[in-house]
Every structure is written in C-alpha cells, then in structure tokens.
Amino acid sequence: MTNLSRRSVLVLGGAGLGLAACGNGIGSSGAARIDARVDATRDYLIQKYPGTQDLMRKAVGVLYMPLITEAGFGIGGSYGQGALRINNVTVDYYSAASASFGFQIGAQQYAHALFFMTENALADFRRADGWEAGADARYALPDRGGAIGADTTTSLAPVIALVFGQAGLIAGATLAGTKYTRIIP
C-alpha cells in the first residue's frame, strides 16, 4: 500500500473541485440558462412534491439551486448556481460553494431550495456579503409518498431547506458549511 503525500492529497482534492466545477458549466451559464434551470426545478418540485406549493405560497422568497455538484477524495468541495425569487420573479443570482476535508471519496449531484419564511430571514440573507447555511435553517425531507416533511416546528423556522434529486456515489447531502454569494452571471 502506498502512502499519500500532502501534495498528492492536494492534487486529488483539486481535481475533485475541478470536476465539481466542470459539472456545473462554470463560465458557460448566463442568466437565461440559470432561470431556465430554476423554472425546471420549481416545476419538478411542484409535480413531485405537491406540498411545496404551500411552502412557496407562505415563503417571502425562495432560493433555487438547481444543480450542485460535489466531489471529494480526502479534500472535497461543491459548487452550483441558482436564483433568488420573490413572488416567482428572479431578483438576484447566487453561487453556493463549500469545501470539506476528511474521510470522503466520490461524487454526487443534487438540487436544493431554501424557503425564506420571514422578511427578516430574507433581508439578512440579501444583506450579507456571503451567507452560510447554519442553525437557523431547518431541513424538510421529502418522503417516498411525495409529501414534504414540514411539521409545525419546521414551518415556524425562518428558513426551510429542501434537498432533493441526489444522484451519485457519496451518501447524503448537507448544506452545512455552504456559503451563498451573490453573482452576476
């Protein structure tokens, strides 16, 4: 068995980050492309999880991230682009990025949506130079029956995060440590 040097780990981790970037078409997606992906993501949520319509109606804003690509081998990262919509109209574009270190190998893609349930939560998000998903975001998990697991506790949260559409070789997807930054596509 060979020992991995620090340089090997950095090269492999950089390759994983590069793979994540390539899967999202960085540099090739403009506003129209992001909006088309967001429309498809919103329509998918409504069709697959009808309960999201209620969340959409109650939310003061929704950040749709249609495609997040994550890859890692010891060192990993994820990246994606999406749009913030208020009253179903795009008001800003955002990137989501994260980095991680630890026991990990593989790649996956997934989508997520952040439902801002209060004006204050939305204002804090829009005001921040870079907003990080943290303890104030509650997860609503889709079950096999097509419903969203938004119970009373979750529905009172300032931000509800819905992760869906996972495909790949890494188990699970989390938004912890993901930084959202406003972009100009």
N, C-alpha and C. Protein backbone atom coordinates (compact mmCIF):
# COMPACT_ATOMS: atom_id res chain seq x y z
N MET A 1 0.84 -1.16 0.00
CA MET A 1 0.00 0.00 0.00
C MET A 1 0.89 1.23 0.00
N THR A 2 0.55 2.22 -0.83
CA THR A 2 1.37 3.42 -0.92
C THR A 2 0.87 4.47 0.05
N ASN A 3 1.80 5.28 0.52
CA ASN A 3 1.43 6.38 1.40
C ASN A 3 1.13 7.61 0.54
N LEU A 4 0.06 8.30 0.85
CA LEU A 4 -0.28 9.52 0.13
C LEU A 4 0.47 10.69 0.76
N SER A 5 1.16 11.46 -0.06
CA SER A 5 1.83 12.65 0.45
C SER A 5 0.82 13.79 0.51
N ARG A 6 1.19 14.83 1.20
CA ARG A 6 0.33 16.01 1.29
C ARG A 6 0.07 16.57 -0.11
N ARG A 7 1.08 16.57 -0.96
CA ARG A 7 0.94 17.07 -2.33
C ARG A 7 -0.06 16.22 -3.10
N SER A 8 -0.01 14.90 -2.95
CA SER A 8 -0.96 14.02 -3.65
C SER A 8 -2.39 14.30 -3.23
N VAL A 9 -2.59 14.49 -1.93
CA VAL A 9 -3.93 14.77 -1.43
C VAL A 9 -4.42 16.10 -2.00
N LEU A 10 -3.56 17.13 -2.03
CA LEU A 10 -3.96 18.42 -2.57
C LEU A 10 -4.28 18.33 -4.05
N VAL A 11 -3.48 17.58 -4.81
CA VAL A 11 -3.73 17.42 -6.25
C VAL A 11 -5.05 16.69 -6.47
N LEU A 12 -5.27 15.59 -5.73
CA LEU A 12 -6.52 14.84 -5.88
C LEU A 12 -7.72 15.67 -5.45
N GLY A 13 -7.59 16.42 -4.36
CA GLY A 13 -8.68 17.28 -3.92
C GLY A 13 -8.97 18.38 -4.93
N GLY A 14 -7.89 18.96 -5.50
CA GLY A 14 -8.07 19.97 -6.54
C GLY A 14 -8.75 19.40 -7.76
N ALA A 15 -8.41 18.16 -8.10
CA ALA A 15 -9.07 17.51 -9.23
C ALA A 15 -10.55 17.32 -8.94
N GLY A 16 -10.87 16.97 -7.69
CA GLY A 16 -12.28 16.82 -7.31
C GLY A 16 -13.03 18.13 -7.42
N LEU A 17 -12.38 19.22 -6.97
CA LEU A 17 -13.02 20.53 -7.09
C LEU A 17 -13.19 20.92 -8.55
N GLY A 18 -12.19 20.61 -9.37
CA GLY A 18 -12.28 20.88 -10.81
C GLY A 18 -13.41 20.10 -11.44
N LEU A 19 -13.57 18.84 -11.03
CA LEU A 19 -14.67 18.02 -11.54
C LEU A 19 -16.01 18.61 -11.13
N ALA A 20 -16.10 19.10 -9.91
CA ALA A 20 -17.34 19.73 -9.46
C ALA A 20 -17.64 20.97 -10.30
N ALA A 21 -16.62 21.75 -10.59
CA ALA A 21 -16.82 22.96 -11.39
C ALA A 21 -17.24 22.62 -12.81
N CYS A 22 -16.63 21.62 -13.41
CA CYS A 22 -16.97 21.24 -14.79
C CYS A 22 -18.41 20.77 -14.89
N GLY A 23 -18.88 20.06 -13.89
CA GLY A 23 -20.24 19.53 -13.93
C GLY A 23 -21.30 20.62 -13.88
N ASN A 24 -20.92 21.82 -13.48
CA ASN A 24 -21.88 22.91 -13.40
C ASN A 24 -21.77 23.90 -14.53
N GLY A 25 -20.87 23.70 -15.45
CA GLY A 25 -20.75 24.60 -16.59
C GLY A 25 -20.32 26.00 -16.19
N ILE A 26 -19.40 26.12 -15.22
CA ILE A 26 -18.93 27.43 -14.79
C ILE A 26 -18.40 28.17 -16.01
N GLY A 27 -18.75 29.41 -16.12
CA GLY A 27 -18.29 30.22 -17.22
C GLY A 27 -19.18 30.12 -18.45
N SER A 28 -20.04 29.15 -18.51
CA SER A 28 -20.87 28.99 -19.69
C SER A 28 -22.35 29.23 -19.40
N SER A 29 -22.68 29.59 -18.16
CA SER A 29 -24.09 29.76 -17.85
C SER A 29 -24.38 31.22 -17.55
N GLY A 30 -25.27 31.79 -18.30
CA GLY A 30 -25.71 33.15 -18.07
C GLY A 30 -27.02 33.15 -17.34
N ALA A 31 -27.59 34.34 -17.23
CA ALA A 31 -28.85 34.50 -16.50
C ALA A 31 -29.97 33.66 -17.11
N ALA A 32 -30.06 33.64 -18.44
CA ALA A 32 -31.14 32.88 -19.10
C ALA A 32 -31.02 31.39 -18.80
N ARG A 33 -29.81 30.88 -18.78
CA ARG A 33 -29.60 29.46 -18.51
C ARG A 33 -29.96 29.13 -17.06
N ILE A 34 -29.55 29.99 -16.14
CA ILE A 34 -29.89 29.76 -14.73
C ILE A 34 -31.40 29.81 -14.54
N ASP A 35 -32.05 30.83 -15.13
CA ASP A 35 -33.50 30.95 -15.00
C ASP A 35 -34.22 29.73 -15.56
N ALA A 36 -33.75 29.20 -16.68
CA ALA A 36 -34.38 28.00 -17.27
C ALA A 36 -34.24 26.82 -16.32
N ARG A 37 -33.07 26.67 -15.72
CA ARG A 37 -32.86 25.57 -14.75
C ARG A 37 -33.73 25.76 -13.50
N VAL A 38 -33.86 27.00 -13.06
CA VAL A 38 -34.69 27.29 -11.89
C VAL A 38 -36.16 26.98 -12.20
N ASP A 39 -36.63 27.37 -13.38
CA ASP A 39 -38.01 27.05 -13.78
C ASP A 39 -38.24 25.55 -13.75
N ALA A 40 -37.30 24.79 -14.32
CA ALA A 40 -37.44 23.33 -14.35
C ALA A 40 -37.42 22.74 -12.94
N THR A 41 -36.60 23.30 -12.07
CA THR A 41 -36.52 22.82 -10.69
C THR A 41 -37.82 23.11 -9.94
N ARG A 42 -38.32 24.31 -10.08
CA ARG A 42 -39.60 24.68 -9.44
C ARG A 42 -40.73 23.77 -9.93
N ASP A 43 -40.79 23.55 -11.24
CA ASP A 43 -41.84 22.69 -11.81
C ASP A 43 -41.70 21.25 -11.31
N TYR A 44 -40.45 20.77 -11.19
CA TYR A 44 -40.21 19.42 -10.67
C TYR A 44 -40.71 19.30 -9.23
N LEU A 45 -40.40 20.30 -8.41
CA LEU A 45 -40.85 20.27 -7.01
C LEU A 45 -42.37 20.23 -6.92
N ILE A 46 -43.03 21.05 -7.71
CA ILE A 46 -44.50 21.09 -7.68
C ILE A 46 -45.08 19.75 -8.12
N GLN A 47 -44.50 19.16 -9.16
CA GLN A 47 -45.01 17.89 -9.67
C GLN A 47 -44.71 16.74 -8.72
N LYS A 48 -43.47 16.65 -8.27
CA LYS A 48 -43.03 15.50 -7.46
C LYS A 48 -43.46 15.62 -6.00
N TYR A 49 -43.46 16.83 -5.47
CA TYR A 49 -43.79 17.07 -4.06
C TYR A 49 -44.83 18.19 -3.99
N PRO A 50 -46.10 17.86 -4.19
CA PRO A 50 -47.16 18.89 -4.23
C PRO A 50 -47.20 19.79 -3.00
N GLY A 51 -46.74 19.30 -1.86
CA GLY A 51 -46.73 20.10 -0.64
C GLY A 51 -45.84 21.33 -0.73
N THR A 52 -44.92 21.35 -1.69
CA THR A 52 -44.04 22.52 -1.83
C THR A 52 -44.82 23.75 -2.29
N GLN A 53 -45.96 23.55 -2.94
CA GLN A 53 -46.77 24.71 -3.35
C GLN A 53 -47.19 25.52 -2.14
N ASP A 54 -47.55 24.84 -1.06
CA ASP A 54 -47.93 25.54 0.17
C ASP A 54 -46.75 26.31 0.73
N LEU A 55 -45.56 25.67 0.74
CA LEU A 55 -44.35 26.37 1.21
C LEU A 55 -44.07 27.59 0.33
N MET A 56 -44.19 27.42 -1.00
CA MET A 56 -43.93 28.53 -1.91
C MET A 56 -44.88 29.70 -1.65
N ARG A 57 -46.13 29.40 -1.38
CA ARG A 57 -47.11 30.47 -1.11
C ARG A 57 -46.80 31.20 0.19
N LYS A 58 -46.35 30.47 1.20
CA LYS A 58 -46.07 31.07 2.51
C LYS A 58 -44.72 31.78 2.56
N ALA A 59 -43.78 31.36 1.72
CA ALA A 59 -42.43 31.92 1.74
C ALA A 59 -42.42 33.33 1.17
N VAL A 60 -41.59 34.19 1.76
CA VAL A 60 -41.43 35.54 1.22
C VAL A 60 -40.39 35.57 0.10
N GLY A 61 -39.63 34.49 -0.02
CA GLY A 61 -38.65 34.34 -1.09
C GLY A 61 -38.14 32.91 -1.11
N VAL A 62 -37.71 32.45 -2.29
CA VAL A 62 -37.17 31.10 -2.43
C VAL A 62 -35.88 31.17 -3.23
N LEU A 63 -34.82 30.58 -2.70
CA LEU A 63 -33.57 30.44 -3.43
C LEU A 63 -33.53 29.04 -4.01
N TYR A 64 -33.54 28.94 -5.32
CA TYR A 64 -33.47 27.65 -6.00
C TYR A 64 -32.04 27.42 -6.46
N MET A 65 -31.48 26.28 -6.09
CA MET A 65 -30.16 25.87 -6.56
C MET A 65 -30.37 24.57 -7.35
N PRO A 66 -30.55 24.67 -8.66
CA PRO A 66 -30.96 23.52 -9.46
C PRO A 66 -29.93 22.40 -9.59
N LEU A 67 -28.65 22.74 -9.52
CA LEU A 67 -27.63 21.71 -9.71
C LEU A 67 -26.40 22.03 -8.89
N ILE A 68 -26.18 21.24 -7.86
CA ILE A 68 -24.96 21.33 -7.05
C ILE A 68 -24.15 20.08 -7.35
N THR A 69 -22.90 20.27 -7.72
CA THR A 69 -22.02 19.15 -7.97
C THR A 69 -21.00 19.10 -6.84
N GLU A 70 -20.86 17.92 -6.25
CA GLU A 70 -19.96 17.72 -5.11
C GLU A 70 -19.02 16.57 -5.44
N ALA A 71 -17.75 16.78 -5.17
CA ALA A 71 -16.77 15.72 -5.39
C ALA A 71 -15.70 15.80 -4.31
N GLY A 72 -15.14 14.65 -3.97
CA GLY A 72 -14.11 14.66 -2.96
C GLY A 72 -13.31 13.38 -2.90
N PHE A 73 -12.07 13.54 -2.55
CA PHE A 73 -11.17 12.44 -2.24
C PHE A 73 -10.27 12.95 -1.14
N GLY A 74 -10.69 12.80 0.09
CA GLY A 74 -9.98 13.40 1.23
C GLY A 74 -10.36 14.86 1.37
N ILE A 75 -10.03 15.64 0.35
CA ILE A 75 -10.43 17.04 0.29
C ILE A 75 -11.53 17.12 -0.76
N GLY A 76 -12.59 17.82 -0.45
CA GLY A 76 -13.69 17.89 -1.40
C GLY A 76 -14.30 19.26 -1.46
N GLY A 77 -15.24 19.40 -2.35
CA GLY A 77 -15.93 20.66 -2.48
C GLY A 77 -17.18 20.50 -3.31
N SER A 78 -17.98 21.55 -3.28
CA SER A 78 -19.19 21.56 -4.09
C SER A 78 -19.39 22.96 -4.63
N TYR A 79 -20.14 23.03 -5.74
CA TYR A 79 -20.42 24.32 -6.35
C TYR A 79 -21.70 24.22 -7.17
N GLY A 80 -22.42 25.32 -7.21
CA GLY A 80 -23.61 25.42 -8.05
C GLY A 80 -24.06 26.86 -8.14
N GLN A 81 -24.96 27.13 -9.08
CA GLN A 81 -25.51 28.46 -9.25
C GLN A 81 -27.02 28.38 -9.26
N GLY A 82 -27.67 29.45 -8.80
CA GLY A 82 -29.12 29.48 -8.78
C GLY A 82 -29.63 30.89 -8.71
N ALA A 83 -30.92 31.00 -8.41
CA ALA A 83 -31.56 32.31 -8.40
C ALA A 83 -32.50 32.45 -7.20
N LEU A 84 -32.54 33.67 -6.67
CA LEU A 84 -33.47 34.02 -5.62
C LEU A 84 -34.70 34.61 -6.28
N ARG A 85 -35.85 34.06 -5.93
CA ARG A 85 -37.10 34.55 -6.48
C ARG A 85 -38.00 35.07 -5.37
N ILE A 86 -38.58 36.23 -5.64
CA ILE A 86 -39.59 36.82 -4.76
C ILE A 86 -40.84 36.99 -5.62
N ASN A 87 -41.95 36.45 -5.15
CA ASN A 87 -43.19 36.43 -5.94
C ASN A 87 -42.95 35.79 -7.31
N ASN A 88 -42.12 34.74 -7.32
CA ASN A 88 -41.78 33.96 -8.51
C ASN A 88 -41.08 34.78 -9.60
N VAL A 89 -40.43 35.88 -9.21
CA VAL A 89 -39.65 36.69 -10.13
C VAL A 89 -38.21 36.70 -9.64
N THR A 90 -37.26 36.43 -10.54
CA THR A 90 -35.84 36.44 -10.16
C THR A 90 -35.40 37.85 -9.80
N VAL A 91 -34.81 37.98 -8.59
CA VAL A 91 -34.31 39.27 -8.14
C VAL A 91 -32.79 39.29 -8.02
N ASP A 92 -32.16 38.14 -7.84
CA ASP A 92 -30.71 38.03 -7.73
C ASP A 92 -30.26 36.63 -8.11
N TYR A 93 -28.99 36.52 -8.47
CA TYR A 93 -28.38 35.23 -8.77
C TYR A 93 -27.31 34.95 -7.72
N TYR A 94 -27.17 33.67 -7.36
CA TYR A 94 -26.24 33.28 -6.31
C TYR A 94 -25.44 32.06 -6.71
N SER A 95 -24.26 31.97 -6.12
CA SER A 95 -23.49 30.72 -6.19
C SER A 95 -23.50 30.12 -4.80
N ALA A 96 -23.37 28.81 -4.76
CA ALA A 96 -23.26 28.08 -3.49
C ALA A 96 -21.97 27.27 -3.57
N ALA A 97 -21.12 27.42 -2.59
CA ALA A 97 -19.84 26.71 -2.59
C ALA A 97 -19.53 26.21 -1.19
N SER A 98 -18.88 25.06 -1.14
CA SER A 98 -18.42 24.54 0.14
C SER A 98 -17.14 23.76 -0.08
N ALA A 99 -16.38 23.63 0.97
CA ALA A 99 -15.16 22.82 0.95
C ALA A 99 -15.19 21.93 2.18
N SER A 100 -14.59 20.76 2.05
CA SER A 100 -14.57 19.84 3.18
C SER A 100 -13.28 19.04 3.17
N PHE A 101 -12.96 18.53 4.32
CA PHE A 101 -11.77 17.71 4.49
C PHE A 101 -12.13 16.57 5.42
N GLY A 102 -11.70 15.38 5.10
CA GLY A 102 -11.99 14.23 5.95
C GLY A 102 -12.14 12.98 5.12
N PHE A 103 -12.69 11.95 5.73
CA PHE A 103 -12.86 10.68 5.05
C PHE A 103 -14.01 10.79 4.06
N GLN A 104 -13.67 10.93 2.79
CA GLN A 104 -14.68 11.04 1.74
C GLN A 104 -14.06 10.64 0.41
N ILE A 105 -14.87 10.05 -0.41
CA ILE A 105 -14.45 9.70 -1.77
C ILE A 105 -15.71 9.57 -2.61
N GLY A 106 -15.70 10.15 -3.78
CA GLY A 106 -16.83 10.02 -4.67
C GLY A 106 -17.32 11.36 -5.20
N ALA A 107 -18.45 11.30 -5.87
CA ALA A 107 -19.05 12.50 -6.44
C ALA A 107 -20.57 12.33 -6.46
N GLN A 108 -21.27 13.42 -6.39
CA GLN A 108 -22.73 13.39 -6.48
C GLN A 108 -23.23 14.73 -6.97
N GLN A 109 -24.46 14.72 -7.44
CA GLN A 109 -25.14 15.94 -7.80
C GLN A 109 -26.50 15.95 -7.11
N TYR A 110 -26.96 17.12 -6.75
CA TYR A 110 -28.26 17.25 -6.11
C TYR A 110 -28.76 18.67 -6.32
N ALA A 111 -29.98 18.91 -5.95
CA ALA A 111 -30.58 20.24 -6.00
C ALA A 111 -31.08 20.59 -4.61
N HIS A 112 -31.26 21.87 -4.36
CA HIS A 112 -31.90 22.27 -3.12
C HIS A 112 -32.58 23.61 -3.28
N ALA A 113 -33.49 23.84 -2.38
CA ALA A 113 -34.21 25.11 -2.35
C ALA A 113 -34.26 25.59 -0.90
N LEU A 114 -34.06 26.88 -0.72
CA LEU A 114 -34.18 27.50 0.59
C LEU A 114 -35.42 28.38 0.58
N PHE A 115 -36.36 28.07 1.45
CA PHE A 115 -37.60 28.82 1.56
C PHE A 115 -37.44 29.81 2.72
N PHE A 116 -37.43 31.10 2.43
CA PHE A 116 -37.32 32.13 3.46
C PHE A 116 -38.72 32.44 3.94
N MET A 117 -38.99 32.10 5.19
CA MET A 117 -40.35 32.18 5.72
C MET A 117 -40.66 33.49 6.43
N THR A 118 -39.63 34.30 6.68
CA THR A 118 -39.85 35.60 7.32
C THR A 118 -39.11 36.69 6.54
N GLU A 119 -39.63 37.89 6.63
CA GLU A 119 -38.99 39.05 5.98
C GLU A 119 -37.59 39.26 6.53
N ASN A 120 -37.42 39.07 7.87
CA ASN A 120 -36.11 39.26 8.49
C ASN A 120 -35.09 38.28 7.95
N ALA A 121 -35.48 37.01 7.82
CA ALA A 121 -34.55 36.00 7.30
C ALA A 121 -34.13 36.34 5.88
N LEU A 122 -35.08 36.75 5.06
CA LEU A 122 -34.77 37.13 3.68
C LEU A 122 -33.88 38.36 3.63
N ALA A 123 -34.18 39.35 4.45
CA ALA A 123 -33.36 40.57 4.49
C ALA A 123 -31.94 40.26 4.95
N ASP A 124 -31.78 39.43 5.96
CA ASP A 124 -30.44 39.05 6.43
C ASP A 124 -29.66 38.36 5.32
N PHE A 125 -30.33 37.47 4.60
CA PHE A 125 -29.69 36.76 3.50
C PHE A 125 -29.24 37.73 2.42
N ARG A 126 -30.10 38.63 2.01
CA ARG A 126 -29.80 39.56 0.92
C ARG A 126 -28.76 40.60 1.33
N ARG A 127 -28.70 40.95 2.60
CA ARG A 127 -27.75 41.96 3.09
C ARG A 127 -26.34 41.40 3.22
N ALA A 128 -26.22 40.12 3.46
CA ALA A 128 -24.92 39.52 3.76
C ALA A 128 -24.01 39.48 2.53
N ASP A 129 -22.70 39.71 2.77
CA ASP A 129 -21.72 39.56 1.69
C ASP A 129 -21.63 38.10 1.26
N GLY A 130 -21.75 37.22 2.21
CA GLY A 130 -21.74 35.79 1.96
C GLY A 130 -22.49 35.13 3.10
N TRP A 131 -23.59 34.49 2.81
CA TRP A 131 -24.45 33.90 3.84
C TRP A 131 -24.17 32.42 3.92
N GLU A 132 -24.03 31.92 5.12
CA GLU A 132 -23.74 30.50 5.32
C GLU A 132 -24.93 29.80 5.95
N ALA A 133 -25.33 28.67 5.35
CA ALA A 133 -26.42 27.89 5.91
C ALA A 133 -25.99 27.41 7.29
N GLY A 134 -26.80 27.66 8.27
CA GLY A 134 -26.41 27.29 9.62
C GLY A 134 -27.57 26.79 10.43
N ALA A 135 -27.53 27.07 11.71
CA ALA A 135 -28.51 26.52 12.64
C ALA A 135 -29.91 27.07 12.42
N ASP A 136 -30.02 28.23 11.74
CA ASP A 136 -31.35 28.80 11.55
C ASP A 136 -32.10 28.16 10.38
N ALA A 137 -31.47 27.27 9.64
CA ALA A 137 -32.14 26.57 8.54
C ALA A 137 -32.61 25.20 9.04
N ARG A 138 -33.87 24.89 8.83
CA ARG A 138 -34.43 23.58 9.18
C ARG A 138 -34.61 22.78 7.91
N TYR A 139 -34.37 21.49 8.02
CA TYR A 139 -34.50 20.62 6.85
C TYR A 139 -35.89 20.01 6.78
N ALA A 140 -36.47 20.04 5.60
CA ALA A 140 -37.73 19.35 5.32
C ALA A 140 -37.39 18.27 4.31
N LEU A 141 -37.60 17.03 4.68
CA LEU A 141 -37.18 15.93 3.82
C LEU A 141 -38.36 15.31 3.09
N PRO A 142 -38.22 15.17 1.76
CA PRO A 142 -39.30 14.50 1.02
C PRO A 142 -39.31 13.01 1.38
N ASP A 143 -40.50 12.46 1.57
CA ASP A 143 -40.59 11.03 1.84
C ASP A 143 -41.02 10.30 0.57
N ARG A 144 -41.08 8.99 0.66
CA ARG A 144 -41.43 8.18 -0.50
C ARG A 144 -42.83 8.47 -1.03
N GLY A 145 -43.69 9.01 -0.19
CA GLY A 145 -45.06 9.29 -0.62
C GLY A 145 -45.22 10.59 -1.37
N GLY A 146 -44.13 11.32 -1.56
CA GLY A 146 -44.20 12.56 -2.31
C GLY A 146 -44.59 13.77 -1.49
N ALA A 147 -44.68 13.62 -0.16
CA ALA A 147 -45.00 14.75 0.70
C ALA A 147 -43.72 15.36 1.24
N ILE A 148 -43.82 16.56 1.71
CA ILE A 148 -42.68 17.22 2.32
C ILE A 148 -42.84 17.09 3.83
N GLY A 149 -41.77 16.70 4.52
CA GLY A 149 -41.82 16.53 5.96
C GLY A 149 -41.70 17.85 6.69
N ALA A 150 -42.62 18.77 6.47
CA ALA A 150 -42.59 20.06 7.15
C ALA A 150 -43.61 20.04 8.28
N ASP A 151 -43.12 19.75 9.47
CA ASP A 151 -44.02 19.71 10.61
C ASP A 151 -44.18 21.12 11.20
N THR A 152 -44.87 21.21 12.31
CA THR A 152 -45.13 22.51 12.92
C THR A 152 -43.83 23.22 13.30
N THR A 153 -42.88 22.49 13.85
CA THR A 153 -41.60 23.09 14.23
C THR A 153 -40.89 23.63 13.01
N THR A 154 -40.84 22.84 11.95
CA THR A 154 -40.16 23.27 10.73
C THR A 154 -40.86 24.46 10.11
N SER A 155 -42.19 24.44 10.07
CA SER A 155 -42.91 25.52 9.40
C SER A 155 -42.78 26.86 10.13
N LEU A 156 -42.34 26.84 11.39
CA LEU A 156 -42.12 28.07 12.14
C LEU A 156 -40.68 28.57 12.00
N ALA A 157 -39.82 27.82 11.32
CA ALA A 157 -38.42 28.18 11.16
C ALA A 157 -38.30 29.36 10.19
N PRO A 158 -37.28 30.20 10.37
CA PRO A 158 -37.11 31.34 9.46
C PRO A 158 -36.69 30.90 8.05
N VAL A 159 -35.96 29.77 7.96
CA VAL A 159 -35.52 29.25 6.67
C VAL A 159 -35.75 27.74 6.66
N ILE A 160 -36.38 27.26 5.60
CA ILE A 160 -36.59 25.82 5.44
C ILE A 160 -35.78 25.38 4.23
N ALA A 161 -34.92 24.38 4.43
CA ALA A 161 -34.07 23.86 3.36
C ALA A 161 -34.61 22.51 2.90
N LEU A 162 -34.74 22.38 1.60
CA LEU A 162 -35.20 21.14 0.99
C LEU A 162 -34.13 20.65 0.03
N VAL A 163 -33.54 19.49 0.32
CA VAL A 163 -32.52 18.88 -0.54
C VAL A 163 -33.17 17.70 -1.24
N PHE A 164 -33.00 17.62 -2.57
CA PHE A 164 -33.68 16.58 -3.33
C PHE A 164 -32.87 16.25 -4.58
N GLY A 165 -33.26 15.16 -5.24
CA GLY A 165 -32.67 14.78 -6.51
C GLY A 165 -31.24 14.27 -6.43
N GLN A 166 -30.85 13.69 -5.29
CA GLN A 166 -29.47 13.21 -5.15
C GLN A 166 -29.19 12.07 -6.13
N ALA A 167 -28.03 12.16 -6.79
CA ALA A 167 -27.57 11.09 -7.67
C ALA A 167 -26.05 11.08 -7.61
N GLY A 168 -25.48 9.92 -7.34
CA GLY A 168 -24.04 9.83 -7.31
C GLY A 168 -23.56 8.80 -6.31
N LEU A 169 -22.28 8.90 -5.98
CA LEU A 169 -21.65 7.88 -5.16
C LEU A 169 -21.27 8.33 -3.76
N ILE A 170 -21.69 9.52 -3.34
CA ILE A 170 -21.46 9.97 -1.97
C ILE A 170 -22.80 9.86 -1.26
N ALA A 171 -22.80 9.27 -0.09
CA ALA A 171 -24.06 9.12 0.65
C ALA A 171 -24.43 10.43 1.31
N GLY A 172 -25.66 10.88 1.09
CA GLY A 172 -26.18 12.05 1.78
C GLY A 172 -25.75 13.36 1.16
N ALA A 173 -26.46 14.38 1.47
CA ALA A 173 -26.14 15.73 1.05
C ALA A 173 -26.53 16.65 2.19
N THR A 174 -25.65 17.56 2.52
CA THR A 174 -25.95 18.50 3.59
C THR A 174 -25.58 19.90 3.13
N LEU A 175 -26.23 20.89 3.69
CA LEU A 175 -25.93 22.27 3.33
C LEU A 175 -25.05 22.94 4.38
N ALA A 176 -24.73 22.22 5.44
CA ALA A 176 -23.88 22.79 6.49
C ALA A 176 -22.56 23.23 5.89
N GLY A 177 -22.17 24.46 6.18
CA GLY A 177 -20.91 24.98 5.67
C GLY A 177 -20.98 25.49 4.25
N THR A 178 -22.15 25.52 3.65
CA THR A 178 -22.29 26.05 2.30
C THR A 178 -22.42 27.55 2.36
N LYS A 179 -21.63 28.25 1.56
CA LYS A 179 -21.64 29.70 1.54
C LYS A 179 -22.32 30.16 0.26
N TYR A 180 -23.28 31.05 0.40
CA TYR A 180 -24.03 31.62 -0.72
C TYR A 180 -23.52 33.03 -0.98
N THR A 181 -23.19 33.29 -2.23
CA THR A 181 -22.65 34.60 -2.62
C THR A 181 -23.38 35.12 -3.84
N ARG A 182 -23.77 36.38 -3.81
CA ARG A 182 -24.44 36.99 -4.96
C ARG A 182 -23.46 37.06 -6.13
N ILE A 183 -23.95 36.72 -7.32
CA ILE A 183 -23.13 36.74 -8.52
C ILE A 183 -23.83 37.54 -9.61
N ILE A 184 -23.08 37.90 -10.63
CA ILE A 184 -23.63 38.50 -11.84
C ILE A 184 -23.29 37.54 -12.97
N PRO A 185 -24.29 36.77 -13.46
CA PRO A 185 -23.99 35.75 -14.47
C PRO A 185 -23.69 36.36 -15.83
